[in-house]
N, C-alpha and C. Protein backbone atom coordinates (compact mmCIF):
# COMPACT_ATOMS: atom_id res chain seq x y z
N MET A 1 162.30 185.42 72.32
CA MET A 1 162.55 186.22 71.13
C MET A 1 163.99 186.76 71.15
N MET A 2 164.49 187.06 69.97
CA MET A 2 165.83 187.62 69.88
C MET A 2 165.86 189.04 70.46
N ALA A 3 167.01 189.43 70.98
CA ALA A 3 167.15 190.80 71.49
C ALA A 3 166.88 191.81 70.38
N THR A 4 167.25 191.45 69.15
CA THR A 4 167.01 192.37 68.04
C THR A 4 165.52 192.54 67.76
N THR A 5 164.76 191.47 67.95
CA THR A 5 163.30 191.57 67.76
C THR A 5 162.72 192.55 68.77
N HIS A 6 163.20 192.48 69.99
CA HIS A 6 162.75 193.42 71.02
C HIS A 6 163.16 194.85 70.67
N ALA A 7 164.35 195.01 70.12
CA ALA A 7 164.80 196.34 69.72
C ALA A 7 163.90 196.90 68.62
N PHE A 8 163.54 196.06 67.67
CA PHE A 8 162.66 196.50 66.59
C PHE A 8 161.26 196.84 67.11
N ALA A 9 160.79 196.11 68.11
CA ALA A 9 159.49 196.42 68.71
C ALA A 9 159.53 197.81 69.34
N GLY A 10 160.63 198.12 70.02
CA GLY A 10 160.78 199.46 70.58
C GLY A 10 160.84 200.52 69.50
N LEU A 11 161.47 200.17 68.37
CA LEU A 11 161.59 201.13 67.27
C LEU A 11 160.25 201.42 66.59
N VAL A 12 159.31 200.49 66.69
CA VAL A 12 157.96 200.78 66.18
C VAL A 12 157.38 201.96 66.95
N LEU A 13 157.55 201.93 68.27
CA LEU A 13 157.10 203.04 69.10
C LEU A 13 157.83 204.33 68.70
N ALA A 14 159.13 204.23 68.51
CA ALA A 14 159.93 205.40 68.12
C ALA A 14 159.48 205.95 66.77
N ALA A 15 159.15 205.05 65.84
CA ALA A 15 158.72 205.48 64.51
C ALA A 15 157.38 206.21 64.57
N LEU A 16 156.54 205.85 65.54
CA LEU A 16 155.26 206.53 65.71
C LEU A 16 155.44 207.91 66.33
N LEU A 17 156.43 208.03 67.21
CA LEU A 17 156.65 209.29 67.93
C LEU A 17 157.47 210.29 67.14
N ALA A 18 158.40 209.80 66.33
CA ALA A 18 159.33 210.68 65.63
C ALA A 18 158.64 211.75 64.78
N PRO A 19 157.59 211.42 64.01
CA PRO A 19 156.93 212.47 63.21
C PRO A 19 156.24 213.52 64.07
N LEU A 20 155.85 213.14 65.30
CA LEU A 20 155.17 214.08 66.18
C LEU A 20 156.15 215.05 66.82
N ALA A 21 157.38 214.60 67.01
CA ALA A 21 158.42 215.45 67.62
C ALA A 21 159.74 215.19 66.90
N PRO A 22 159.86 215.67 65.67
CA PRO A 22 161.05 215.37 64.86
C PRO A 22 162.36 215.82 65.49
N GLN A 23 162.29 216.81 66.39
CA GLN A 23 163.52 217.26 67.05
C GLN A 23 164.11 216.19 67.97
N PHE A 24 163.26 215.22 68.34
CA PHE A 24 163.70 214.14 69.23
C PHE A 24 163.82 212.80 68.48
N ALA A 25 163.82 212.84 67.17
CA ALA A 25 163.79 211.60 66.38
C ALA A 25 164.95 210.67 66.72
N VAL A 26 166.15 211.21 66.75
CA VAL A 26 167.31 210.36 67.05
C VAL A 26 167.26 209.89 68.49
N VAL A 27 166.84 210.76 69.39
CA VAL A 27 166.76 210.40 70.81
C VAL A 27 165.81 209.23 71.02
N VAL A 28 164.62 209.30 70.44
CA VAL A 28 163.64 208.23 70.66
C VAL A 28 164.10 206.93 70.00
N ALA A 29 164.79 207.02 68.87
CA ALA A 29 165.28 205.81 68.20
C ALA A 29 166.35 205.12 69.05
N VAL A 30 167.30 205.90 69.54
CA VAL A 30 168.38 205.33 70.36
C VAL A 30 167.80 204.78 71.67
N ALA A 31 166.89 205.52 72.29
CA ALA A 31 166.28 205.06 73.54
C ALA A 31 165.49 203.79 73.33
N ALA A 32 164.81 203.69 72.19
CA ALA A 32 164.02 202.49 71.90
C ALA A 32 164.91 201.27 71.73
N ILE A 33 166.01 201.43 71.03
CA ILE A 33 166.94 200.31 70.83
C ILE A 33 167.54 199.87 72.17
N LEU A 34 168.02 200.84 72.95
CA LEU A 34 168.64 200.52 74.23
C LEU A 34 167.63 199.91 75.20
N GLY A 35 166.43 200.49 75.26
CA GLY A 35 165.40 199.96 76.14
C GLY A 35 164.93 198.59 75.72
N GLY A 36 164.88 198.35 74.40
CA GLY A 36 164.47 197.04 73.92
C GLY A 36 165.47 195.95 74.23
N ILE A 37 166.73 196.32 74.29
CA ILE A 37 167.79 195.34 74.56
C ILE A 37 168.09 195.20 76.05
N PHE A 38 167.92 196.27 76.80
CA PHE A 38 168.36 196.34 78.20
C PHE A 38 167.97 195.15 79.07
N PRO A 39 166.71 194.69 79.08
CA PRO A 39 166.38 193.58 79.99
C PRO A 39 167.23 192.33 79.76
N ASP A 40 167.69 192.11 78.54
CA ASP A 40 168.47 190.90 78.26
C ASP A 40 169.91 191.00 78.76
N LEU A 41 170.29 192.10 79.39
CA LEU A 41 171.61 192.17 80.00
C LEU A 41 171.72 191.25 81.21
N ASP A 42 170.59 190.71 81.66
CA ASP A 42 170.64 189.74 82.76
C ASP A 42 170.89 188.32 82.25
N LEU A 43 171.28 188.21 80.98
CA LEU A 43 171.50 186.90 80.37
C LEU A 43 172.50 186.05 81.12
N VAL A 44 173.54 186.67 81.68
CA VAL A 44 174.58 185.92 82.37
C VAL A 44 174.21 185.63 83.83
N GLY A 45 173.10 186.16 84.28
CA GLY A 45 172.68 185.92 85.67
C GLY A 45 171.35 185.20 85.71
N ALA A 46 170.40 185.76 86.45
CA ALA A 46 169.06 185.19 86.53
C ALA A 46 168.25 185.73 85.36
N HIS A 47 168.42 185.09 84.22
CA HIS A 47 167.82 185.60 82.98
C HIS A 47 166.31 185.63 83.06
N ARG A 48 165.75 186.71 82.52
CA ARG A 48 164.31 186.98 82.52
C ARG A 48 163.75 187.12 83.94
N ARG A 49 164.62 187.50 84.84
CA ARG A 49 164.18 187.76 86.21
C ARG A 49 164.84 189.02 86.78
N THR A 50 166.16 189.12 86.68
CA THR A 50 166.88 190.22 87.31
C THR A 50 166.49 191.58 86.72
N LEU A 51 166.42 191.66 85.39
CA LEU A 51 166.13 192.94 84.73
C LEU A 51 164.81 192.91 83.96
N HIS A 52 164.04 191.86 84.12
CA HIS A 52 162.74 191.75 83.45
C HIS A 52 161.63 192.03 84.46
N PHE A 53 160.82 193.03 84.15
CA PHE A 53 159.71 193.41 85.03
C PHE A 53 158.45 193.63 84.17
N PRO A 54 157.71 192.56 83.87
CA PRO A 54 156.56 192.68 82.98
C PRO A 54 155.43 193.57 83.51
N VAL A 55 155.44 193.86 84.81
CA VAL A 55 154.43 194.75 85.39
C VAL A 55 155.06 196.07 85.83
N TYR A 56 156.14 196.00 86.57
CA TYR A 56 156.68 197.20 87.20
C TYR A 56 157.26 198.21 86.21
N TYR A 57 157.79 197.76 85.08
CA TYR A 57 158.27 198.72 84.08
C TYR A 57 157.12 199.65 83.65
N TRP A 58 155.94 199.07 83.47
CA TRP A 58 154.79 199.88 83.04
C TRP A 58 154.41 200.89 84.10
N LEU A 59 154.54 200.51 85.38
CA LEU A 59 154.17 201.41 86.46
C LEU A 59 155.12 202.61 86.54
N VAL A 60 156.36 202.41 86.09
CA VAL A 60 157.32 203.51 86.05
C VAL A 60 157.22 204.27 84.73
N ALA A 61 156.99 203.53 83.64
CA ALA A 61 156.94 204.15 82.32
C ALA A 61 155.75 205.09 82.16
N THR A 62 154.64 204.77 82.82
CA THR A 62 153.44 205.59 82.67
C THR A 62 153.64 207.02 83.19
N PRO A 63 154.08 207.20 84.45
CA PRO A 63 154.33 208.58 84.89
C PRO A 63 155.48 209.24 84.13
N ALA A 64 156.48 208.46 83.72
CA ALA A 64 157.58 209.02 82.93
C ALA A 64 157.06 209.56 81.61
N SER A 65 156.09 208.87 81.02
CA SER A 65 155.50 209.33 79.76
C SER A 65 154.70 210.61 79.95
N VAL A 66 154.00 210.70 81.10
CA VAL A 66 153.23 211.91 81.41
C VAL A 66 154.17 213.10 81.55
N VAL A 67 155.30 212.89 82.22
CA VAL A 67 156.29 213.95 82.39
C VAL A 67 156.86 214.35 81.03
N ALA A 68 157.12 213.36 80.16
CA ALA A 68 157.68 213.65 78.85
C ALA A 68 156.73 214.49 78.01
N VAL A 69 155.43 214.24 78.14
CA VAL A 69 154.44 215.03 77.40
C VAL A 69 154.34 216.44 77.97
N ALA A 70 154.39 216.53 79.31
CA ALA A 70 154.26 217.84 79.96
C ALA A 70 155.52 218.68 79.82
N VAL A 71 156.67 218.02 79.92
CA VAL A 71 157.95 218.73 79.83
C VAL A 71 158.84 217.99 78.82
N PRO A 72 158.60 218.20 77.52
CA PRO A 72 159.35 217.45 76.50
C PRO A 72 160.79 217.94 76.31
N THR A 73 161.71 217.21 76.86
CA THR A 73 163.12 217.46 76.64
C THR A 73 163.75 216.15 76.17
N ALA A 74 164.98 216.23 75.71
CA ALA A 74 165.66 215.02 75.26
C ALA A 74 165.73 213.98 76.39
N ALA A 75 165.96 214.45 77.61
CA ALA A 75 166.09 213.55 78.75
C ALA A 75 164.76 212.89 79.10
N THR A 76 163.70 213.69 79.22
CA THR A 76 162.41 213.13 79.62
C THR A 76 161.82 212.22 78.55
N VAL A 77 161.92 212.64 77.30
CA VAL A 77 161.40 211.82 76.20
C VAL A 77 162.21 210.53 76.05
N GLY A 78 163.52 210.66 76.11
CA GLY A 78 164.38 209.49 75.99
C GLY A 78 164.13 208.48 77.09
N LEU A 79 163.99 208.96 78.34
CA LEU A 79 163.75 208.06 79.46
C LEU A 79 162.40 207.35 79.31
N ALA A 80 161.38 208.09 78.90
CA ALA A 80 160.05 207.50 78.74
C ALA A 80 160.07 206.40 77.69
N VAL A 81 160.70 206.66 76.55
CA VAL A 81 160.76 205.67 75.48
C VAL A 81 161.59 204.47 75.92
N PHE A 82 162.69 204.71 76.61
CA PHE A 82 163.52 203.62 77.12
C PHE A 82 162.70 202.69 78.01
N LEU A 83 161.96 203.26 78.95
CA LEU A 83 161.17 202.46 79.88
C LEU A 83 160.03 201.73 79.17
N LEU A 84 159.40 202.39 78.20
CA LEU A 84 158.33 201.74 77.45
C LEU A 84 158.85 200.56 76.65
N ALA A 85 160.01 200.73 76.03
CA ALA A 85 160.61 199.63 75.26
C ALA A 85 161.00 198.47 76.16
N ALA A 86 161.55 198.77 77.35
CA ALA A 86 161.91 197.72 78.30
C ALA A 86 160.66 197.01 78.82
N ALA A 87 159.59 197.77 79.03
CA ALA A 87 158.33 197.18 79.49
C ALA A 87 157.76 196.26 78.42
N LEU A 88 157.79 196.70 77.17
CA LEU A 88 157.29 195.89 76.07
C LEU A 88 158.11 194.62 75.92
N HIS A 89 159.41 194.73 76.07
CA HIS A 89 160.29 193.55 76.01
C HIS A 89 159.90 192.54 77.08
N SER A 90 159.80 193.00 78.30
CA SER A 90 159.52 192.10 79.42
C SER A 90 158.18 191.40 79.26
N LEU A 91 157.19 192.13 78.82
CA LEU A 91 155.86 191.54 78.66
C LEU A 91 155.81 190.59 77.47
N SER A 92 156.48 190.93 76.39
CA SER A 92 156.42 190.09 75.20
C SER A 92 157.16 188.77 75.37
N ASP A 93 158.10 188.68 76.31
CA ASP A 93 158.76 187.41 76.58
C ASP A 93 157.77 186.35 77.07
N TYR A 94 156.66 186.79 77.62
CA TYR A 94 155.59 185.90 78.05
C TYR A 94 154.98 185.16 76.86
N LEU A 95 155.10 185.75 75.67
CA LEU A 95 154.51 185.16 74.47
C LEU A 95 155.47 184.22 73.75
N GLY A 96 156.72 184.18 74.23
CA GLY A 96 157.73 183.36 73.58
C GLY A 96 157.90 182.00 74.23
N GLY A 97 159.09 181.42 74.02
CA GLY A 97 159.38 180.10 74.56
C GLY A 97 159.92 180.16 75.97
N GLY A 98 160.31 178.99 76.48
CA GLY A 98 160.82 178.89 77.84
C GLY A 98 162.29 179.22 77.92
N LEU A 99 162.84 179.00 79.11
CA LEU A 99 164.21 179.40 79.40
C LEU A 99 165.26 178.37 79.00
N GLU A 100 164.84 177.16 78.65
CA GLU A 100 165.82 176.13 78.37
C GLU A 100 166.68 176.50 77.16
N PRO A 101 167.98 176.12 77.17
CA PRO A 101 168.87 176.47 76.05
C PRO A 101 168.35 175.96 74.71
N LYS A 102 167.76 174.78 74.69
CA LYS A 102 167.15 174.24 73.48
C LYS A 102 165.65 174.39 73.62
N SER A 103 165.19 175.63 73.54
CA SER A 103 163.80 175.90 73.89
C SER A 103 162.80 175.37 72.87
N TRP A 104 163.26 174.90 71.71
CA TRP A 104 162.36 174.24 70.77
C TRP A 104 161.88 172.89 71.32
N GLN A 105 162.55 172.40 72.38
CA GLN A 105 162.10 171.16 73.01
C GLN A 105 160.89 171.38 73.93
N ALA A 106 160.64 172.64 74.27
CA ALA A 106 159.47 173.01 75.09
C ALA A 106 159.41 172.23 76.40
N THR A 107 160.52 172.21 77.12
CA THR A 107 160.57 171.49 78.40
C THR A 107 160.44 172.42 79.60
N SER A 108 160.65 173.72 79.40
CA SER A 108 160.60 174.67 80.52
C SER A 108 159.24 175.35 80.59
N GLU A 109 158.76 175.53 81.80
CA GLU A 109 157.50 176.25 82.02
C GLU A 109 157.76 177.65 82.57
N ARG A 110 158.97 178.15 82.36
CA ARG A 110 159.34 179.50 82.80
C ARG A 110 159.59 180.40 81.61
N ALA A 111 158.72 181.38 81.44
CA ALA A 111 158.89 182.33 80.34
C ALA A 111 159.56 183.60 80.85
N VAL A 112 158.95 184.25 81.83
CA VAL A 112 159.50 185.46 82.42
C VAL A 112 158.98 185.55 83.85
N TYR A 113 159.81 186.09 84.73
CA TYR A 113 159.41 186.19 86.14
C TYR A 113 158.66 187.49 86.38
N SER A 114 157.51 187.38 87.01
CA SER A 114 156.74 188.57 87.39
C SER A 114 156.95 188.83 88.87
N HIS A 115 157.68 189.88 89.18
CA HIS A 115 157.90 190.23 90.58
C HIS A 115 156.60 190.66 91.24
N TYR A 116 155.71 191.22 90.47
CA TYR A 116 154.41 191.64 91.01
C TYR A 116 153.60 190.43 91.47
N HIS A 117 153.61 189.37 90.67
CA HIS A 117 152.86 188.16 91.02
C HIS A 117 153.69 187.18 91.85
N ASP A 118 155.00 187.46 91.98
CA ASP A 118 155.92 186.62 92.74
C ASP A 118 155.94 185.18 92.21
N ARG A 119 155.98 185.06 90.88
CA ARG A 119 156.04 183.73 90.27
C ARG A 119 156.48 183.85 88.82
N TRP A 120 156.87 182.71 88.26
CA TRP A 120 157.20 182.65 86.84
C TRP A 120 155.93 182.54 86.02
N LEU A 121 155.86 183.27 84.93
CA LEU A 121 154.75 183.15 84.00
C LEU A 121 155.09 182.06 82.98
N GLU A 122 154.11 181.24 82.67
CA GLU A 122 154.33 180.14 81.74
C GLU A 122 154.39 180.65 80.30
N PRO A 123 155.28 180.07 79.49
CA PRO A 123 155.42 180.55 78.11
C PRO A 123 154.21 180.21 77.25
N ARG A 124 153.80 181.17 76.44
CA ARG A 124 152.71 180.93 75.49
C ARG A 124 153.22 180.28 74.21
N ARG A 125 154.50 180.48 73.90
CA ARG A 125 155.16 179.88 72.74
C ARG A 125 154.52 180.28 71.41
N TRP A 126 154.01 181.51 71.33
CA TRP A 126 153.59 182.02 70.03
C TRP A 126 154.82 182.15 69.14
N VAL A 127 155.94 182.51 69.74
CA VAL A 127 157.25 182.40 69.10
C VAL A 127 157.97 181.31 69.86
N ARG A 128 158.23 180.19 69.20
CA ARG A 128 158.66 178.99 69.93
C ARG A 128 160.00 179.14 70.64
N TYR A 129 160.93 179.84 70.00
CA TYR A 129 162.24 180.04 70.62
C TYR A 129 162.92 181.21 69.93
N ASP A 130 163.91 181.79 70.60
CA ASP A 130 164.63 182.90 70.00
C ASP A 130 165.41 182.40 68.79
N GLY A 131 165.24 183.08 67.68
CA GLY A 131 165.89 182.66 66.45
C GLY A 131 165.05 181.72 65.60
N ALA A 132 163.82 181.44 66.04
CA ALA A 132 162.92 180.60 65.25
C ALA A 132 162.53 181.32 63.96
N PRO A 133 162.09 180.61 62.94
CA PRO A 133 161.67 181.27 61.70
C PRO A 133 160.63 182.36 61.94
N GLU A 134 159.68 182.08 62.82
CA GLU A 134 158.65 183.09 63.09
C GLU A 134 159.22 184.30 63.84
N ASP A 135 160.27 184.07 64.61
CA ASP A 135 160.93 185.18 65.30
C ASP A 135 161.61 186.09 64.27
N LEU A 136 162.30 185.48 63.32
CA LEU A 136 162.96 186.26 62.28
C LEU A 136 161.94 187.02 61.43
N ALA A 137 160.83 186.36 61.11
CA ALA A 137 159.78 187.02 60.32
C ALA A 137 159.20 188.20 61.09
N LEU A 138 158.98 188.02 62.38
CA LEU A 138 158.46 189.10 63.22
C LEU A 138 159.45 190.26 63.27
N ALA A 139 160.74 189.94 63.41
CA ALA A 139 161.77 190.98 63.45
C ALA A 139 161.76 191.80 62.16
N ALA A 140 161.63 191.12 61.02
CA ALA A 140 161.63 191.82 59.74
C ALA A 140 160.43 192.75 59.61
N VAL A 141 159.26 192.29 60.04
CA VAL A 141 158.05 193.11 59.97
C VAL A 141 158.16 194.32 60.89
N LEU A 142 158.66 194.10 62.12
CA LEU A 142 158.78 195.19 63.08
C LEU A 142 159.82 196.22 62.67
N ALA A 143 160.78 195.80 61.86
CA ALA A 143 161.84 196.71 61.42
C ALA A 143 161.37 197.66 60.33
N LEU A 144 160.31 197.31 59.63
CA LEU A 144 159.86 198.11 58.48
C LEU A 144 159.53 199.56 58.83
N PRO A 145 158.76 199.84 59.89
CA PRO A 145 158.46 201.26 60.18
C PRO A 145 159.72 202.10 60.39
N ALA A 146 160.71 201.55 61.08
CA ALA A 146 161.95 202.30 61.32
C ALA A 146 162.70 202.55 60.02
N LEU A 147 162.67 201.58 59.11
CA LEU A 147 163.35 201.76 57.83
C LEU A 147 162.68 202.86 57.00
N VAL A 148 161.38 203.02 57.18
CA VAL A 148 160.64 204.04 56.44
C VAL A 148 160.83 205.42 57.06
N VAL A 149 160.77 205.49 58.39
CA VAL A 149 160.76 206.78 59.09
C VAL A 149 162.15 207.38 59.26
N PHE A 150 163.11 206.56 59.61
CA PHE A 150 164.43 207.08 59.96
C PHE A 150 165.41 207.03 58.78
N GLU A 151 166.42 207.86 58.87
CA GLU A 151 167.44 207.92 57.84
C GLU A 151 168.83 207.84 58.49
N GLY A 152 169.84 207.88 57.65
CA GLY A 152 171.22 207.98 58.15
C GLY A 152 171.65 206.85 59.05
N THR A 153 172.25 207.21 60.17
CA THR A 153 172.83 206.23 61.09
C THR A 153 171.78 205.28 61.67
N ILE A 154 170.61 205.80 61.96
CA ILE A 154 169.57 204.95 62.53
C ILE A 154 169.14 203.88 61.53
N ARG A 155 168.93 204.29 60.28
CA ARG A 155 168.54 203.31 59.26
C ARG A 155 169.65 202.28 59.06
N THR A 156 170.90 202.73 59.05
CA THR A 156 172.03 201.81 58.91
C THR A 156 172.07 200.83 60.07
N THR A 157 171.78 201.33 61.27
CA THR A 157 171.76 200.47 62.46
C THR A 157 170.66 199.41 62.34
N VAL A 158 169.51 199.81 61.85
CA VAL A 158 168.40 198.86 61.67
C VAL A 158 168.79 197.76 60.68
N VAL A 159 169.42 198.15 59.58
CA VAL A 159 169.86 197.16 58.60
C VAL A 159 170.89 196.21 59.22
N ALA A 160 171.80 196.76 60.02
CA ALA A 160 172.82 195.93 60.68
C ALA A 160 172.17 194.96 61.66
N LEU A 161 171.17 195.43 62.40
CA LEU A 161 170.46 194.56 63.34
C LEU A 161 169.69 193.47 62.62
N LEU A 162 169.16 193.80 61.45
CA LEU A 162 168.48 192.77 60.65
C LEU A 162 169.47 191.70 60.19
N ALA A 163 170.66 192.13 59.80
CA ALA A 163 171.69 191.18 59.38
C ALA A 163 172.09 190.27 60.54
N VAL A 164 172.22 190.86 61.73
CA VAL A 164 172.53 190.07 62.92
C VAL A 164 171.40 189.07 63.19
N SER A 165 170.17 189.50 63.03
CA SER A 165 169.02 188.62 63.25
C SER A 165 169.05 187.43 62.31
N ILE A 166 169.33 187.69 61.04
CA ILE A 166 169.38 186.61 60.06
C ILE A 166 170.51 185.63 60.40
N GLY A 167 171.67 186.18 60.72
CA GLY A 167 172.81 185.34 61.07
C GLY A 167 172.52 184.48 62.29
N TYR A 168 171.93 185.09 63.32
CA TYR A 168 171.65 184.35 64.55
C TYR A 168 170.62 183.25 64.28
N ALA A 169 169.58 183.56 63.50
CA ALA A 169 168.56 182.56 63.20
C ALA A 169 169.15 181.35 62.48
N LEU A 170 170.14 181.60 61.63
CA LEU A 170 170.76 180.52 60.88
C LEU A 170 171.60 179.60 61.76
N ILE A 171 172.21 180.17 62.80
CA ILE A 171 173.12 179.35 63.63
C ILE A 171 172.52 179.00 64.99
N ARG A 172 171.26 179.34 65.24
CA ARG A 172 170.69 179.17 66.58
C ARG A 172 170.81 177.74 67.08
N LYS A 173 170.36 176.76 66.31
CA LYS A 173 170.43 175.37 66.78
C LYS A 173 171.86 174.84 66.80
N PRO A 174 172.66 175.07 65.77
CA PRO A 174 174.07 174.64 65.87
C PRO A 174 174.81 175.30 67.02
N LEU A 175 174.44 176.54 67.36
CA LEU A 175 175.08 177.24 68.46
C LEU A 175 174.80 176.54 69.78
N ALA A 176 173.57 176.08 69.98
CA ALA A 176 173.22 175.36 71.20
C ALA A 176 173.99 174.05 71.29
N SER A 177 174.12 173.35 70.18
CA SER A 177 174.86 172.09 70.17
C SER A 177 176.34 172.32 70.44
N ALA A 178 176.88 173.40 69.87
CA ALA A 178 178.29 173.72 70.10
C ALA A 178 178.53 174.06 71.56
N GLY A 179 177.59 174.82 72.16
CA GLY A 179 177.72 175.15 73.57
C GLY A 179 177.69 173.92 74.45
N GLU A 180 176.82 173.00 74.11
CA GLU A 180 176.75 171.73 74.86
C GLU A 180 178.06 170.96 74.75
N TRP A 181 178.60 170.91 73.54
CA TRP A 181 179.85 170.19 73.31
C TRP A 181 180.98 170.80 74.14
N LEU A 182 181.05 172.12 74.18
CA LEU A 182 182.09 172.81 74.93
C LEU A 182 181.94 172.58 76.43
N LEU A 183 180.71 172.64 76.93
CA LEU A 183 180.49 172.45 78.37
C LEU A 183 180.87 171.05 78.81
N GLU A 184 180.60 170.08 77.98
CA GLU A 184 180.93 168.70 78.34
C GLU A 184 182.43 168.49 78.46
N ARG A 185 183.22 169.36 77.82
CA ARG A 185 184.67 169.21 77.81
C ARG A 185 185.39 170.27 78.62
N ALA A 186 184.64 171.18 79.19
CA ALA A 186 185.24 172.27 79.95
C ALA A 186 185.70 171.78 81.33
N PRO A 187 186.77 172.39 81.88
CA PRO A 187 187.21 172.03 83.23
C PRO A 187 186.17 172.42 84.28
N ASP A 188 186.24 171.78 85.43
CA ASP A 188 185.22 171.96 86.47
C ASP A 188 185.09 173.41 86.91
N HIS A 189 186.22 174.13 87.02
CA HIS A 189 186.15 175.50 87.51
C HIS A 189 185.44 176.42 86.52
N VAL A 190 185.46 176.05 85.25
CA VAL A 190 184.72 176.82 84.25
C VAL A 190 183.24 176.47 84.32
N VAL A 191 182.93 175.19 84.41
CA VAL A 191 181.54 174.73 84.48
C VAL A 191 180.84 175.30 85.70
N SER A 192 181.56 175.41 86.81
CA SER A 192 180.94 175.91 88.06
C SER A 192 180.52 177.37 87.94
N ALA A 193 181.09 178.09 86.99
CA ALA A 193 180.75 179.51 86.81
C ALA A 193 179.63 179.71 85.80
N VAL A 194 179.19 178.63 85.16
CA VAL A 194 178.14 178.71 84.13
C VAL A 194 176.77 178.68 84.79
N PRO A 195 175.84 179.56 84.40
CA PRO A 195 174.48 179.54 84.96
C PRO A 195 173.83 178.17 84.81
N ASP A 196 173.02 177.79 85.79
CA ASP A 196 172.42 176.46 85.83
C ASP A 196 171.59 176.14 84.59
N ARG A 197 170.94 177.14 84.01
CA ARG A 197 170.07 176.84 82.87
C ARG A 197 170.86 176.33 81.67
N PHE A 198 172.14 176.72 81.56
CA PHE A 198 172.96 176.21 80.47
C PHE A 198 173.43 174.78 80.75
N LEU A 199 173.63 174.47 82.02
CA LEU A 199 174.02 173.12 82.38
C LEU A 199 172.87 172.14 82.20
N ALA A 200 171.65 172.66 82.24
CA ALA A 200 170.47 171.80 82.13
C ALA A 200 170.44 171.06 80.80
N MET A 201 170.98 171.67 79.74
CA MET A 201 170.89 171.01 78.43
C MET A 201 171.76 169.76 78.40
N ILE A 202 172.84 169.74 79.19
CA ILE A 202 173.66 168.54 79.27
C ILE A 202 172.90 167.44 80.00
N ASP A 203 172.26 167.81 81.13
CA ASP A 203 171.49 166.85 81.89
C ASP A 203 170.37 166.26 81.06
N GLU A 204 169.72 167.11 80.23
CA GLU A 204 168.62 166.62 79.41
C GLU A 204 169.10 165.61 78.39
N GLU A 205 170.26 165.86 77.81
CA GLU A 205 170.79 164.92 76.84
C GLU A 205 171.13 163.60 77.52
N HIS A 206 171.67 163.68 78.72
CA HIS A 206 172.02 162.46 79.45
C HIS A 206 170.78 161.70 79.88
N ASP A 207 169.65 162.40 79.99
CA ASP A 207 168.39 161.74 80.34
C ASP A 207 167.74 161.09 79.13
N GLY A 208 168.36 161.26 77.96
CA GLY A 208 167.85 160.59 76.77
C GLY A 208 166.94 161.41 75.91
N ARG A 209 166.82 162.69 76.15
CA ARG A 209 165.97 163.52 75.31
C ARG A 209 166.66 163.76 73.97
N ILE A 210 165.86 163.78 72.93
CA ILE A 210 166.38 163.96 71.58
C ILE A 210 165.68 165.14 70.92
N ASP A 211 166.41 165.88 70.09
CA ASP A 211 165.80 167.02 69.36
C ASP A 211 164.65 166.51 68.50
């Protein structure tokens, strides 16, 4: 799924909490966006492994949520929402596609790494790949509660994220092809610094796989 879809999923949680504690409305919204995006910061490394914890985030988020309820401050509430959004992101990647750059080809059996189980979880492919039509539709639906509940800068941010989602969905497949074209022509010292999963798409093309 797109990082923006994960951000919107976190914002659903924020939209539910904001009416209960309006003094923390902006805090929960910002924490939800950051927590929803945070796991994907491992994109340049071991993606869906280094910062993705489909089990352990929940184990930390649960006591953090208890503390936030018992001692509601901007810090405790923000941290709890951040962890919950990151946990939701990590778990929901299990429902998406695999790790391959052209994940609509469905060649990878790695969705997200579970450190608790010490293995990769296989993709369910309910959302076939990030930027798929169903991914964009899901992002739009998940964005609705935030558009209704929040105002001002938060609402503007949601609209901007929706625009990014639409743009990314439109260029997702051409972007993968462009990346492949660039890698095939890049000097060796550049290619050696590229994560292996991006190099895999070149190998697949050379093996005769077709979109």
